[in-house]
PDB file of N, CA and C in Angstrom:
ATOM      1  N   MET A   1      89.975 160.651 111.270  1.00  0.00           N
ATOM      2  CA  MET A   1      87.939 159.841 111.223  1.00  0.00           C
ATOM      3  C   MET A   1      87.924 158.677 111.854  1.00  0.00           C
ATOM      4  N   GLN A   2      87.001 158.925 112.307  1.00  0.00           N
ATOM      5  CA  GLN A   2      86.471 157.374 113.802  1.00  0.00           C
ATOM      6  C   GLN A   2      85.591 156.583 112.679  1.00  0.00           C
ATOM      7  N   MET A   3      86.175 155.410 112.687  1.00  0.00           N
ATOM      8  CA  MET A   3      85.147 154.481 112.091  1.00  0.00           C
ATOM      9  C   MET A   3      84.227 153.980 112.484  1.00  0.00           C
ATOM     10  N   ASN A   4      83.079 154.114 112.237  1.00  0.00           N
ATOM     11  CA  ASN A   4      81.613 153.898 112.708  1.00  0.00           C
ATOM     12  C   ASN A   4      81.659 151.930 112.592  1.00  0.00           C
ATOM     13  N   GLU A   5      80.458 151.546 113.537  1.00  0.00           N
ATOM     14  CA  GLU A   5      80.229 149.820 113.464  1.00  0.00           C
ATOM     15  C   GLU A   5      80.484 149.616 112.072  1.00  0.00           C
ATOM     16  N   LYS A   6      78.957 150.026 111.141  1.00  0.00           N
ATOM     17  CA  LYS A   6      78.624 150.072 109.786  1.00  0.00           C
ATOM     18  C   LYS A   6      80.077 149.582 108.771  1.00  0.00           C
ATOM     19  N   THR A   7      80.643 150.518 109.377  1.00  0.00           N
ATOM     20  CA  THR A   7      82.166 150.980 108.269  1.00  0.00           C
ATOM     21  C   THR A   7      83.086 149.916 108.232  1.00  0.00           C
ATOM     22  N   MET A   8      83.068 149.194 109.105  1.00  0.00           N
ATOM     23  CA  MET A   8      84.197 148.177 110.089  1.00  0.00           C
ATOM     24  C   MET A   8      83.565 146.598 109.070  1.00  0.00           C
ATOM     25  N   VAL A   9      82.294 146.689 109.545  1.00  0.00           N
ATOM     26  CA  VAL A   9      81.604 145.561 108.887  1.00  0.00           C
ATOM     27  C   VAL A   9      81.727 145.626 107.565  1.00  0.00           C
ATOM     28  N   ALA A  10      81.687 146.730 106.930  1.00  0.00           N
ATOM     29  CA  ALA A  10      81.828 146.412 105.318  1.00  0.00           C
ATOM     30  C   ALA A  10      83.142 146.618 104.968  1.00  0.00           C
ATOM     31  N   ASP A  11      83.630 146.796 105.340  1.00  0.00           N
ATOM     32  CA  ASP A  11      85.110 147.143 105.135  1.00  0.00           C
ATOM     33  C   ASP A  11      86.008 145.409 105.310  1.00  0.00           C
ATOM     34  N   THR A  12      85.356 144.771 106.343  1.00  0.00           N
ATOM     35  CA  THR A  12      84.963 143.119 106.725  1.00  0.00           C
ATOM     36  C   THR A  12      84.636 142.912 105.232  1.00  0.00           C
ATOM     37  N   LEU A  13      83.751 142.870 105.139  1.00  0.00           N
ATOM     38  CA  LEU A  13      83.397 141.907 103.991  1.00  0.00           C
ATOM     39  C   LEU A  13      83.952 142.084 103.106  1.00  0.00           C
ATOM     40  N   ALA A  14      84.346 143.136 102.573  1.00  0.00           N
ATOM     41  CA  ALA A  14      85.027 143.507 101.114  1.00  0.00           C
ATOM     42  C   ALA A  14      86.165 142.365 101.038  1.00  0.00           C
ATOM     43  N   GLY A  15      87.145 142.856 102.667  1.00  0.00           N
ATOM     44  CA  GLY A  15      88.603 141.799 102.716  1.00  0.00           C
ATOM     45  C   GLY A  15      87.950 140.789 102.573  1.00  0.00           C
ATOM     46  N   ILE A  16      86.836 140.395 102.694  1.00  0.00           N
ATOM     47  CA  ILE A  16      86.767 138.481 102.738  1.00  0.00           C
ATOM     48  C   ILE A  16      86.535 138.075 101.386  1.00  0.00           C
ATOM     49  N   ASN A  17      85.348 139.160 100.972  1.00  0.00           N
ATOM     50  CA  ASN A  17      84.675 138.922  99.780  1.00  0.00           C
ATOM     51  C   ASN A  17      86.321 138.626  98.106  1.00  0.00           C
ATOM     52  N   GLY A  18      87.297 139.703  98.691  1.00  0.00           N
ATOM     53  CA  GLY A  18      88.766 139.583  97.908  1.00  0.00           C
ATOM     54  C   GLY A  18      89.742 138.325  98.137  1.00  0.00           C
ATOM     55  N   GLU A  19      89.814 138.434  99.857  1.00  0.00           N
ATOM     56  CA  GLU A  19      90.064 136.780  99.494  1.00  0.00           C
ATOM     57  C   GLU A  19      89.586 135.603  99.880  1.00  0.00           C
ATOM     58  N   LEU A  20      88.159 135.533  99.455  1.00  0.00           N
ATOM     59  CA  LEU A  20      87.835 134.594  98.391  1.00  0.00           C
ATOM     60  C   LEU A  20      87.915 134.031  96.743  1.00  0.00           C
ATOM     61  N   LEU A  21      88.365 135.460  96.594  1.00  0.00           N
ATOM     62  CA  LEU A  21      88.191 135.344  95.170  1.00  0.00           C
ATOM     63  C   LEU A  21      89.821 135.094  94.880  1.00  0.00           C
ATOM     64  N   ARG A  22      90.990 135.395  95.867  1.00  0.00           N
ATOM     65  CA  ARG A  22      92.320 134.821  95.683  1.00  0.00           C
ATOM     66  C   ARG A  22      91.970 133.430  95.673  1.00  0.00           C
ATOM     67  N   PHE A  23      91.353 132.933  96.343  1.00  0.00           N
ATOM     68  CA  PHE A  23      91.305 131.646  96.891  1.00  0.00           C
ATOM     69  C   PHE A  23      90.909 130.909  95.266  1.00  0.00           C
ATOM     70  N   ALA A  24      89.641 131.310  94.686  1.00  0.00           N
ATOM     71  CA  ALA A  24      88.947 130.820  93.855  1.00  0.00           C
ATOM     72  C   ALA A  24      90.311 130.834  92.642  1.00  0.00           C
ATOM     73  N   GLU A  25      90.926 131.140  92.573  1.00  0.00           N
ATOM     74  CA  GLU A  25      92.463 132.243  91.730  1.00  0.00           C
ATOM     75  C   GLU A  25      93.272 130.728  91.498  1.00  0.00           C
ATOM     76  N   MET A  26      94.080 130.635  93.176  1.00  0.00           N
ATOM     77  CA  MET A  26      94.547 130.388  93.631  1.00  0.00           C
ATOM     78  C   MET A  26      94.459 128.313  93.745  1.00  0.00           C
ATOM     79  N   ILE A  27      93.332 127.868  94.052  1.00  0.00           N
ATOM     80  CA  ILE A  27      92.875 126.451  93.623  1.00  0.00           C
ATOM     81  C   ILE A  27      93.148 125.397  92.991  1.00  0.00           C
ATOM     82  N   PRO A  28      92.734 126.033  91.768  1.00  0.00           N
ATOM     83  CA  PRO A  28      93.056 124.989  90.688  1.00  0.00           C
ATOM     84  C   PRO A  28      94.031 125.612  90.086  1.00  0.00           C
ATOM     85  N   GLN A  29      95.203 126.244  90.092  1.00  0.00           N
ATOM     86  CA  GLN A  29      96.399 126.397  90.556  1.00  0.00           C
ATOM     87  C   GLN A  29      96.750 126.067  90.230  1.00  0.00           C
ATOM     88  N   THR A  30      97.579 124.821  91.856  1.00  0.00           N
ATOM     89  CA  THR A  30      98.246 124.485  92.005  1.00  0.00           C
ATOM     90  C   THR A  30      98.583 122.749  91.685  1.00  0.00           C
ATOM     91  N   GLU A  31      98.998 122.221  91.847  1.00  0.00           N
ATOM     92  CA  GLU A  31      99.078 120.891  91.649  1.00  0.00           C
ATOM     93  C   GLU A  31      99.381 120.135  92.367  1.00  0.00           C
ATOM     94  N   ASN A  32      99.766 120.806  93.681  1.00  0.00           N
ATOM     95  CA  ASN A  32      99.986 119.888  95.061  1.00  0.00           C
ATOM     96  C   ASN A  32      98.568 119.505  95.615  1.00  0.00           C
ATOM     97  N   LYS A  33      98.533 118.505  96.004  1.00  0.00           N
ATOM     98  CA  LYS A  33      97.507 118.009  96.761  1.00  0.00           C
ATOM     99  C   LYS A  33      97.142 119.011  98.120  1.00  0.00           C
ATOM    100  N   GLU A  34      97.701 118.456  98.575  1.00  0.00           N
ATOM    101  CA  GLU A  34      98.648 118.340 100.323  1.00  0.00           C
ATOM    102  C   GLU A  34      98.121 120.049 100.864  1.00  0.00           C
ATOM    103  N   LEU A  35      98.602 121.080  99.659  1.00  0.00           N
ATOM    104  CA  LEU A  35      98.336 122.450  99.327  1.00  0.00           C
ATOM    105  C   LEU A  35      96.643 122.518  98.678  1.00  0.00           C
ATOM    106  N   LYS A  36      96.319 122.288  97.976  1.00  0.00           N
ATOM    107  CA  LYS A  36      94.558 122.412  97.740  1.00  0.00           C
ATOM    108  C   LYS A  36      93.915 122.375  98.763  1.00  0.00           C
ATOM    109  N   THR A  37      93.803 120.596  99.275  1.00  0.00           N
ATOM    110  CA  THR A  37      93.634 120.769 100.522  1.00  0.00           C
ATOM    111  C   THR A  37      93.352 121.811 101.266  1.00  0.00           C
ATOM    112  N   THR A  38      94.428 122.089 101.642  1.00  0.00           N
ATOM    113  CA  THR A  38      94.744 123.781 102.954  1.00  0.00           C
ATOM    114  C   THR A  38      94.222 124.649 102.370  1.00  0.00           C
ATOM    115  N   LEU A  39      94.440 125.585 100.748  1.00  0.00           N
ATOM    116  CA  LEU A  39      93.401 126.237 101.049  1.00  0.00           C
ATOM    117  C   LEU A  39      92.306 126.258 100.182  1.00  0.00           C
ATOM    118  N   LYS A  40      91.455 124.288 100.416  1.00  0.00           N
ATOM    119  CA  LYS A  40      89.851 124.802 100.161  1.00  0.00           C
ATOM    120  C   LYS A  40      89.524 124.937 101.458  1.00  0.00           C
ATOM    121  N   GLN A  41      90.607 124.331 102.798  1.00  0.00           N
ATOM    122  CA  GLN A  41      89.988 124.425 104.399  1.00  0.00           C
ATOM    123  C   GLN A  41      89.879 125.896 104.797  1.00  0.00           C
ATOM    124  N   PHE A  42      90.942 126.326 104.086  1.00  0.00           N
ATOM    125  CA  PHE A  42      90.694 128.210 104.344  1.00  0.00           C
ATOM    126  C   PHE A  42      89.554 128.793 103.588  1.00  0.00           C
ATOM    127  N   ARG A  43      89.252 128.211 102.373  1.00  0.00           N
ATOM    128  CA  ARG A  43      88.201 129.215 101.999  1.00  0.00           C
ATOM    129  C   ARG A  43      86.745 128.955 102.480  1.00  0.00           C
ATOM    130  N   THR A  44      86.650 127.351 103.138  1.00  0.00           N
ATOM    131  CA  THR A  44      85.779 126.945 103.867  1.00  0.00           C
ATOM    132  C   THR A  44      85.417 127.579 104.947  1.00  0.00           C
ATOM    133  N   ALA A  45      86.414 128.146 105.477  1.00  0.00           N
ATOM    134  CA  ALA A  45      86.716 129.010 106.802  1.00  0.00           C
ATOM    135  C   ALA A  45      85.954 130.440 106.327  1.00  0.00           C
ATOM    136  N   CYS A  46      86.758 131.010 105.473  1.00  0.00           N
ATOM    137  CA  CYS A  46      86.503 132.212 104.535  1.00  0.00           C
ATOM    138  C   CYS A  46      85.086 132.446 104.285  1.00  0.00           C
ATOM    139  N   GLU A  47      84.510 131.354 104.305  1.00  0.00           N
ATOM    140  CA  GLU A  47      82.893 131.346 103.709  1.00  0.00           C
ATOM    141  C   GLU A  47      82.133 131.228 104.782  1.00  0.00           C
ATOM    142  N   GLN A  48      82.595 130.646 105.712  1.00  0.00           N
ATOM    143  CA  GLN A  48      81.975 130.966 107.137  1.00  0.00           C
ATOM    144  C   GLN A  48      81.939 131.762 107.863  1.00  0.00           C
ATOM    145  N   SER A  49      83.273 132.855 107.655  1.00  0.00           N
ATOM    146  CA  SER A  49      82.955 133.865 107.930  1.00  0.00           C
ATOM    147  C   SER A  49      82.407 134.595 107.672  1.00  0.00           C
ATOM    148  N   GLN A  50      82.258 134.810 106.125  1.00  0.00           N
ATOM    149  CA  GLN A  50      81.779 135.752 105.485  1.00  0.00           C
ATOM    150  C   GLN A  50      79.837 135.583 105.736  1.00  0.00           C
ATOM    151  N   GLU A  51      79.838 134.071 105.992  1.00  0.00           N
ATOM    152  CA  GLU A  51      78.413 134.612 105.716  1.00  0.00           C
ATOM    153  C   GLU A  51      77.798 135.010 107.713  1.00  0.00           C
ATOM    154  N   GLU A  52      78.657 134.890 108.514  1.00  0.00           N
ATOM    155  CA  GLU A  52      78.215 135.220 109.670  1.00  0.00           C
ATOM    156  C   GLU A  52      78.037 136.710 110.191  1.00  0.00           C
ATOM    157  N   LEU A  53      79.044 136.984 109.347  1.00  0.00           N
ATOM    158  CA  LEU A  53      79.254 138.640 109.317  1.00  0.00           C
ATOM    159  C   LEU A  53      78.323 139.246 108.593  1.00  0.00           C
ATOM    160  N   TYR A  54      78.025 138.598 107.372  1.00  0.00           N
ATOM    161  CA  TYR A  54      76.590 139.005 105.960  1.00  0.00           C
ATOM    162  C   TYR A  54      75.357 138.752 107.281  1.00  0.00           C
ATOM    163  N   GLN A  55      74.880 137.791 107.666  1.00  0.00           N
ATOM    164  CA  GLN A  55      73.899 137.501 109.141  1.00  0.00           C
ATOM    165  C   GLN A  55      73.380 138.751 110.133  1.00  0.00           C
ATOM    166  N   ILE A  56      74.858 139.302 110.644  1.00  0.00           N
ATOM    167  CA  ILE A  56      74.828 140.384 111.571  1.00  0.00           C
ATOM    168  C   ILE A  56      75.089 141.292 110.995  1.00  0.00           C
ATOM    169  N   ALA A  57      75.385 142.161 109.614  1.00  0.00           N
ATOM    170  CA  ALA A  57      75.009 142.880 108.829  1.00  0.00           C
ATOM    171  C   ALA A  57      73.471 143.430 108.492  1.00  0.00           C
ATOM    172  N   ARG A  58      73.026 141.502 107.906  1.00  0.00           N
ATOM    173  CA  ARG A  58      71.242 141.970 107.634  1.00  0.00           C
ATOM    174  C   ARG A  58      70.740 142.350 108.819  1.00  0.00           C
ATOM    175  N   GLU A  59      70.924 142.128 109.738  1.00  0.00           N
ATOM    176  CA  GLU A  59      70.637 142.178 110.929  1.00  0.00           C
ATOM    177  C   GLU A  59      70.689 143.537 111.662  1.00  0.00           C
ATOM    178  N   LYS A  60      71.124 144.053 111.701  1.00  0.00           N
ATOM    179  CA  LYS A  60      71.575 144.981 111.953  1.00  0.00           C
ATOM    180  C   LYS A  60      71.706 146.123 110.673  1.00  0.00           C
ATOM    181  N   SER A  61      70.858 145.526 109.950  1.00  0.00           N
ATOM    182  CA  SER A  61      70.027 146.604 108.735  1.00  0.00           C
ATOM    183  C   SER A  61      71.483 147.522 108.013  1.00  0.00           C
ATOM    184  N   TYR A  62      73.071 147.177 108.165  1.00  0.00           N
ATOM    185  CA  TYR A  62      73.444 147.370 107.701  1.00  0.00           C
ATOM    186  C   TYR A  62      74.271 146.969 106.031  1.00  0.00           C
ATOM    187  N   TYR A  63      72.765 145.704 105.969  1.00  0.00           N
ATOM    188  CA  TYR A  63      73.199 145.501 104.407  1.00  0.00           C
ATOM    189  C   TYR A  63      71.389 144.896 104.461  1.00  0.00           C
ATOM    190  N   VAL A  64      71.204 145.689 103.010  1.00  0.00           N
ATOM    191  CA  VAL A  64      69.798 145.239 102.241  1.00  0.00           C
ATOM    192  C   VAL A  64      70.220 144.438 101.300  1.00  0.00           C
ATOM    193  N   PRO A  65      69.655 143.612 100.845  1.00  0.00           N
ATOM    194  CA  PRO A  65      70.455 142.720  99.964  1.00  0.00           C
ATOM    195  C   PRO A  65      69.448 143.354  98.759  1.00  0.00           C
ATOM    196  N   ALA A  66      69.302 143.213  97.439  1.00  0.00           N
ATOM    197  CA  ALA A  66      68.607 143.243  96.105  1.00  0.00           C
ATOM    198  C   ALA A  66      67.388 142.709  95.996  1.00  0.00           C
ATOM    199  N   ALA A  67      66.441 142.915  95.733  1.00  0.00           N
ATOM    200  CA  ALA A  67      65.322 142.788  94.981  1.00  0.00           C
ATOM    201  C   ALA A  67      65.144 141.193  94.618  1.00  0.00           C
ATOM    202  N   LYS A  68      64.906 140.203  95.268  1.00  0.00           N
ATOM    203  CA  LYS A  68      64.299 138.910  94.525  1.00  0.00           C
ATOM    204  C   LYS A  68      64.754 138.427  92.827  1.00  0.00           C
ATOM    205  N   ALA A  69      65.250 137.846  92.256  1.00  0.00           N
ATOM    206  CA  ALA A  69      64.689 137.758  91.055  1.00  0.00           C
ATOM    207  C   ALA A  69      63.507 137.432  90.745  1.00  0.00           C
ATOM    208  N   THR A  70      63.072 137.137  89.493  1.00  0.00           N
ATOM    209  CA  THR A  70      61.714 137.141  88.907  1.00  0.00           C
ATOM    210  C   THR A  70      62.066 135.878  88.140  1.00  0.00           C
ATOM    211  N   ALA A  71      61.179 134.702  88.408  1.00  0.00           N
ATOM    212  CA  ALA A  71      61.183 133.866  87.837  1.00  0.00           C
ATOM    213  C   ALA A  71      61.670 133.753  86.468  1.00  0.00           C
ATOM    214  N   GLU A  72      60.955 134.884  85.745  1.00  0.00           N
ATOM    215  CA  GLU A  72      61.599 134.994  84.452  1.00  0.00           C
ATOM    216  C   GLU A  72      62.493 135.626  84.132  1.00  0.00           C
ATOM    217  N   GLU A  73      63.301 136.466  85.036  1.00  0.00           N
ATOM    218  CA  GLU A  73      64.732 136.460  85.228  1.00  0.00           C
ATOM    219  C   GLU A  73      65.946 135.245  85.645  1.00  0.00           C
ATOM    220  N   VAL A  74      65.359 134.555  86.543  1.00  0.00           N
ATOM    221  CA  VAL A  74      66.210 133.510  86.545  1.00  0.00           C
ATOM    222  C   VAL A  74      65.908 132.779  85.441  1.00  0.00           C
ATOM    223  N   GLN A  75      65.077 132.322  84.391  1.00  0.00           N
ATOM    224  CA  GLN A  75      65.080 131.395  82.989  1.00  0.00           C
ATOM    225  C   GLN A  75      65.742 132.349  82.533  1.00  0.00           C
ATOM    226  N   HIS A  76      65.679 133.886  81.550  1.00  0.00           N
ATOM    227  CA  HIS A  76      66.433 134.040  81.207  1.00  0.00           C
ATOM    228  C   HIS A  76      68.076 133.704  81.059  1.00  0.00           C
ATOM    229  N   VAL A  77      68.680 133.749  82.291  1.00  0.00           N
ATOM    230  CA  VAL A  77      70.115 133.295  82.659  1.00  0.00           C
ATOM    231  C   VAL A  77      70.361 132.112  82.805  1.00  0.00           C
ATOM    232  N   LYS A  78      68.907 131.321  82.831  1.00  0.00           N
ATOM    233  CA  LYS A  78      69.511 129.977  83.083  1.00  0.00           C
ATOM    234  C   LYS A  78      69.466 129.759  81.386  1.00  0.00           C
ATOM    235  N   ASN A  79      69.117 129.983  80.112  1.00  0.00           N
ATOM    236  CA  ASN A  79      68.688 129.552  78.922  1.00  0.00           C
ATOM    237  C   ASN A  79      69.937 130.320  78.630  1.00  0.00           C
ATOM    238  N   LEU A  80      70.869 131.390  78.542  1.00  0.00           N
ATOM    239  CA  LEU A  80      72.265 131.732  77.899  1.00  0.00           C
ATOM    240  C   LEU A  80      72.962 131.427  79.099  1.00  0.00           C
ATOM    241  N   PHE A  81      73.056 130.520  79.260  1.00  0.00           N
ATOM    242  CA  PHE A  81      73.732 129.267  79.966  1.00  0.00           C
ATOM    243  C   PHE A  81      73.809 127.873  79.246  1.00  0.00           C
ATOM    244  N   THR A  82      72.675 127.714  78.660  1.00  0.00           N
ATOM    245  CA  THR A  82      72.498 126.370  78.073  1.00  0.00           C
ATOM    246  C   THR A  82      72.753 126.875  77.196  1.00  0.00           C
ATOM    247  N   SER A  83      72.230 127.229  76.162  1.00  0.00           N
ATOM    248  CA  SER A  83      72.118 127.844  74.925  1.00  0.00           C
ATOM    249  C   SER A  83      73.760 128.350  74.259  1.00  0.00           C
ATOM    250  N   ALA A  84      74.266 128.659  75.225  1.00  0.00           N
ATOM    251  CA  ALA A  84      75.649 129.123  74.947  1.00  0.00           C
ATOM    252  C   ALA A  84      76.719 128.246  74.275  1.00  0.00           C
ATOM    253  N   SER A  85      77.063 128.308  73.193  1.00  0.00           N
ATOM    254  CA  SER A  85      78.183 127.400  72.335  1.00  0.00           C
ATOM    255  C   SER A  85      79.558 127.522  73.278  1.00  0.00           C
ATOM    256  N   LEU A  86      79.846 126.475  73.687  1.00  0.00           N
ATOM    257  CA  LEU A  86      80.994 126.857  74.389  1.00  0.00           C
ATOM    258  C   LEU A  86      82.134 125.829  73.435  1.00  0.00           C
TER     259      LEU A  86
END
């Protein structure tokens, strides 16, 4: 089976998103400030790669984002977070 460009872009984006999740888990769990700083730098570079690849996917119509949320939907979500008792 030969992979096409669209599949490779989608797979790469999925991999990058997985890495971002792992950074989100690791960063708050380390007490070593140097390691925390290094992980944050890796996360930033990963986010930049994800954004660049996302833009390429959009330009080539490999990815079509969902419709934008309405003002009412945005307000509803804001209300959920501001009215929740923590």
